[in-house]
Amino acid sequence: MANGEWHGSEEEQRRVEAPLLVADPVIEAFASEHGLRITRNYKNWPGRWIQWGKEVRCSMNIYLSDEKGPSWNVSLSASQYRRRGFLWWRRWECFGKGEMLLECGPLPVGNGDLAALLREGKQTLDAWSGDPEVLEFSGKTET
């Protein structure tokens, strides 16, 4: 994955994306049930990204981790920018948290496994966004 973009042939992309296409109805049903939008194949890289939230930005990511398998990752992340400082000096501090639900494994499309994994991910992210104090400091910018 050079620069986060797909550089293989179209035929190879169809091969590695096949499990994701099988999983799409489950992902789409989950997103529809919760009123969420799906981003597909960002920079042509096989994956699905589901994001929501304003104050705390939540993201559930299903993406290709290794073309040979193909193997997949399902990751969660939540982030929030908090403003600190006074009138003459301000900075934004970033707080976040992440977790891998699946790392370099086959995409679990049978027996409701993927739907259960997506529900688990949403519950975790909703818990983090409901209690932003669990988010950990990850950086700052000064303005």
Protein backbone atom coordinates (compact mmCIF):
# COMPACT_ATOMS: atom_id res chain seq x y z
CA MET A 1 0.00 0.00 0.00
CA ALA A 2 2.20 2.83 -1.23
CA ASN A 3 0.90 6.21 -0.03
CA GLY A 4 -2.39 4.61 0.98
CA GLU A 5 -3.41 4.00 -2.62
CA TRP A 6 -4.09 0.84 -4.63
CA HIS A 7 -1.42 0.28 -7.26
CA GLY A 8 -2.26 -3.23 -8.40
CA SER A 9 -4.18 -4.32 -11.48
CA GLU A 10 -7.96 -4.10 -11.73
CA GLU A 11 -8.13 -7.89 -11.82
CA GLU A 12 -6.11 -8.15 -8.59
CA GLN A 13 -8.31 -5.52 -6.95
CA ARG A 14 -11.45 -7.47 -7.89
CA ARG A 15 -9.92 -10.61 -6.34
CA VAL A 16 -9.00 -9.00 -3.02
CA GLU A 17 -12.21 -6.96 -2.83
CA ALA A 18 -14.49 -10.00 -3.39
CA PRO A 19 -14.97 -10.77 0.36
CA LEU A 20 -15.84 -7.13 0.97
CA LEU A 21 -18.47 -7.19 -1.77
CA VAL A 22 -20.03 -10.24 -0.09
CA ALA A 23 -20.01 -8.31 3.21
CA ASP A 24 -21.51 -5.13 1.71
CA PRO A 25 -25.18 -6.04 2.36
CA VAL A 26 -24.39 -6.55 6.07
CA ILE A 27 -22.42 -3.30 6.25
CA GLU A 28 -25.13 -1.39 4.37
CA ALA A 29 -27.91 -2.78 6.58
CA PHE A 30 -25.95 -1.80 9.70
CA ALA A 31 -25.29 1.73 8.41
CA SER A 32 -28.92 2.16 7.34
CA GLU A 33 -30.22 0.94 10.71
CA HIS A 34 -28.14 3.58 12.51
CA GLY A 35 -28.48 6.37 9.93
CA LEU A 36 -24.76 6.33 9.10
CA ARG A 37 -22.93 6.96 5.84
CA ILE A 38 -20.36 4.60 4.29
CA THR A 39 -17.24 5.75 2.44
CA ARG A 40 -16.06 3.11 -0.05
CA ASN A 41 -12.57 2.41 -1.38
CA TYR A 42 -10.86 5.62 -0.27
CA LYS A 43 -8.00 6.27 -2.72
CA ASN A 44 -9.17 3.09 -4.45
CA TRP A 45 -7.98 0.96 -1.49
CA PRO A 46 -10.46 -1.86 -0.69
CA GLY A 47 -12.31 -0.83 2.45
CA ARG A 48 -15.38 0.62 4.06
CA TRP A 49 -15.30 3.52 6.51
CA ILE A 50 -18.27 4.41 8.71
CA GLN A 51 -17.98 7.71 10.59
CA TRP A 52 -20.28 9.74 12.82
CA GLY A 53 -20.32 12.29 15.60
CA LYS A 54 -19.56 15.98 15.90
CA GLU A 55 -18.07 16.68 19.31
CA VAL A 56 -16.39 13.27 19.43
CA ARG A 57 -15.60 11.92 15.95
CA CYS A 58 -16.15 8.14 15.78
CA SER A 59 -14.85 5.92 13.00
CA MET A 60 -15.25 2.21 12.31
CA ASN A 61 -12.93 1.05 9.53
CA ILE A 62 -12.99 -2.21 7.58
CA TYR A 63 -10.01 -2.33 5.25
CA LEU A 64 -7.62 -4.63 3.45
CA SER A 65 -4.47 -5.27 5.49
CA ASP A 66 -2.73 -7.78 3.21
CA GLU A 67 -3.46 -8.53 -0.44
CA LYS A 68 -2.00 -12.04 -0.32
CA GLY A 69 -4.69 -13.52 1.93
CA PRO A 70 -6.57 -11.36 1.49
CA SER A 71 -6.55 -10.34 5.17
CA TRP A 72 -8.64 -7.61 6.76
CA ASN A 73 -8.58 -5.23 9.70
CA VAL A 74 -11.56 -3.84 11.56
CA SER A 75 -10.51 -0.86 13.65
CA LEU A 76 -12.22 1.68 15.88
CA SER A 77 -11.14 5.21 16.64
CA ALA A 78 -12.61 8.16 18.48
CA SER A 79 -11.11 11.64 18.61
CA GLN A 80 -11.93 15.05 20.00
CA TYR A 81 -10.27 18.45 19.78
CA ARG A 82 -10.49 20.58 22.92
CA ARG A 83 -9.71 24.28 22.98
CA ARG A 84 -7.46 25.51 25.79
CA GLY A 85 -5.93 28.87 26.62
CA PHE A 86 -6.71 32.56 26.97
CA LEU A 87 -7.56 35.38 24.59
CA TRP A 88 -3.94 36.04 23.62
CA TRP A 89 -2.79 32.43 23.65
CA ARG A 90 -4.82 29.47 22.47
CA ARG A 91 -4.19 25.92 21.48
CA TRP A 92 -6.16 22.90 20.46
CA GLU A 93 -5.46 19.63 22.20
CA CYS A 94 -6.35 16.36 20.53
CA PHE A 95 -7.60 13.43 22.56
CA GLY A 96 -8.30 9.99 21.14
CA LYS A 97 -8.66 6.27 21.64
CA GLY A 98 -8.45 3.31 19.28
CA GLU A 99 -8.87 -0.43 19.22
CA MET A 100 -8.54 -3.28 16.72
CA LEU A 101 -11.53 -5.64 16.62
CA LEU A 102 -9.94 -7.77 13.91
CA GLU A 103 -6.31 -7.71 12.84
CA CYS A 104 -5.02 -9.42 9.68
CA GLY A 105 -7.80 -11.97 9.58
CA PRO A 106 -10.46 -13.23 7.19
CA LEU A 107 -13.52 -11.01 6.92
CA PRO A 108 -16.19 -12.69 9.11
CA VAL A 109 -19.17 -12.70 6.73
CA GLY A 110 -20.99 -15.87 7.78
CA ASN A 111 -23.38 -16.66 10.63
CA GLY A 112 -24.03 -13.03 11.57
CA ASP A 113 -20.43 -12.64 12.77
CA LEU A 114 -19.81 -9.38 10.92
CA ALA A 115 -23.10 -7.88 12.09
CA ALA A 116 -22.18 -8.77 15.69
CA LEU A 117 -18.71 -7.27 15.23
CA LEU A 118 -20.20 -4.03 13.87
CA ARG A 119 -22.67 -3.83 16.77
CA GLU A 120 -19.84 -4.40 19.25
CA GLY A 121 -17.79 -1.67 17.58
CA LYS A 122 -20.65 0.82 17.64
CA GLN A 123 -21.35 0.11 21.32
CA THR A 124 -17.68 0.67 22.17
CA LEU A 125 -17.47 3.91 20.19
CA ASP A 126 -20.76 5.20 21.61
CA ALA A 127 -19.44 4.49 25.13
CA TRP A 128 -16.22 6.40 24.38
CA SER A 129 -18.09 9.35 22.87
CA GLY A 130 -20.53 9.38 25.79
CA ASP A 131 -17.63 9.74 28.23
CA PRO A 132 -14.93 11.82 26.47
CA GLU A 133 -12.74 11.67 29.60
CA VAL A 134 -11.72 8.13 28.55
CA LEU A 135 -10.01 9.64 25.50
CA GLU A 136 -6.25 10.03 25.94
CA PHE A 137 -4.16 13.09 25.13
CA SER A 138 -2.47 12.65 21.75
CA GLY A 139 -1.13 16.08 20.74
CA LYS A 140 -1.61 19.82 20.59
CA THR A 141 -1.45 22.74 18.21
CA GLU A 142 -0.87 26.35 19.23
CA THR A 143 -2.47 29.34 17.51
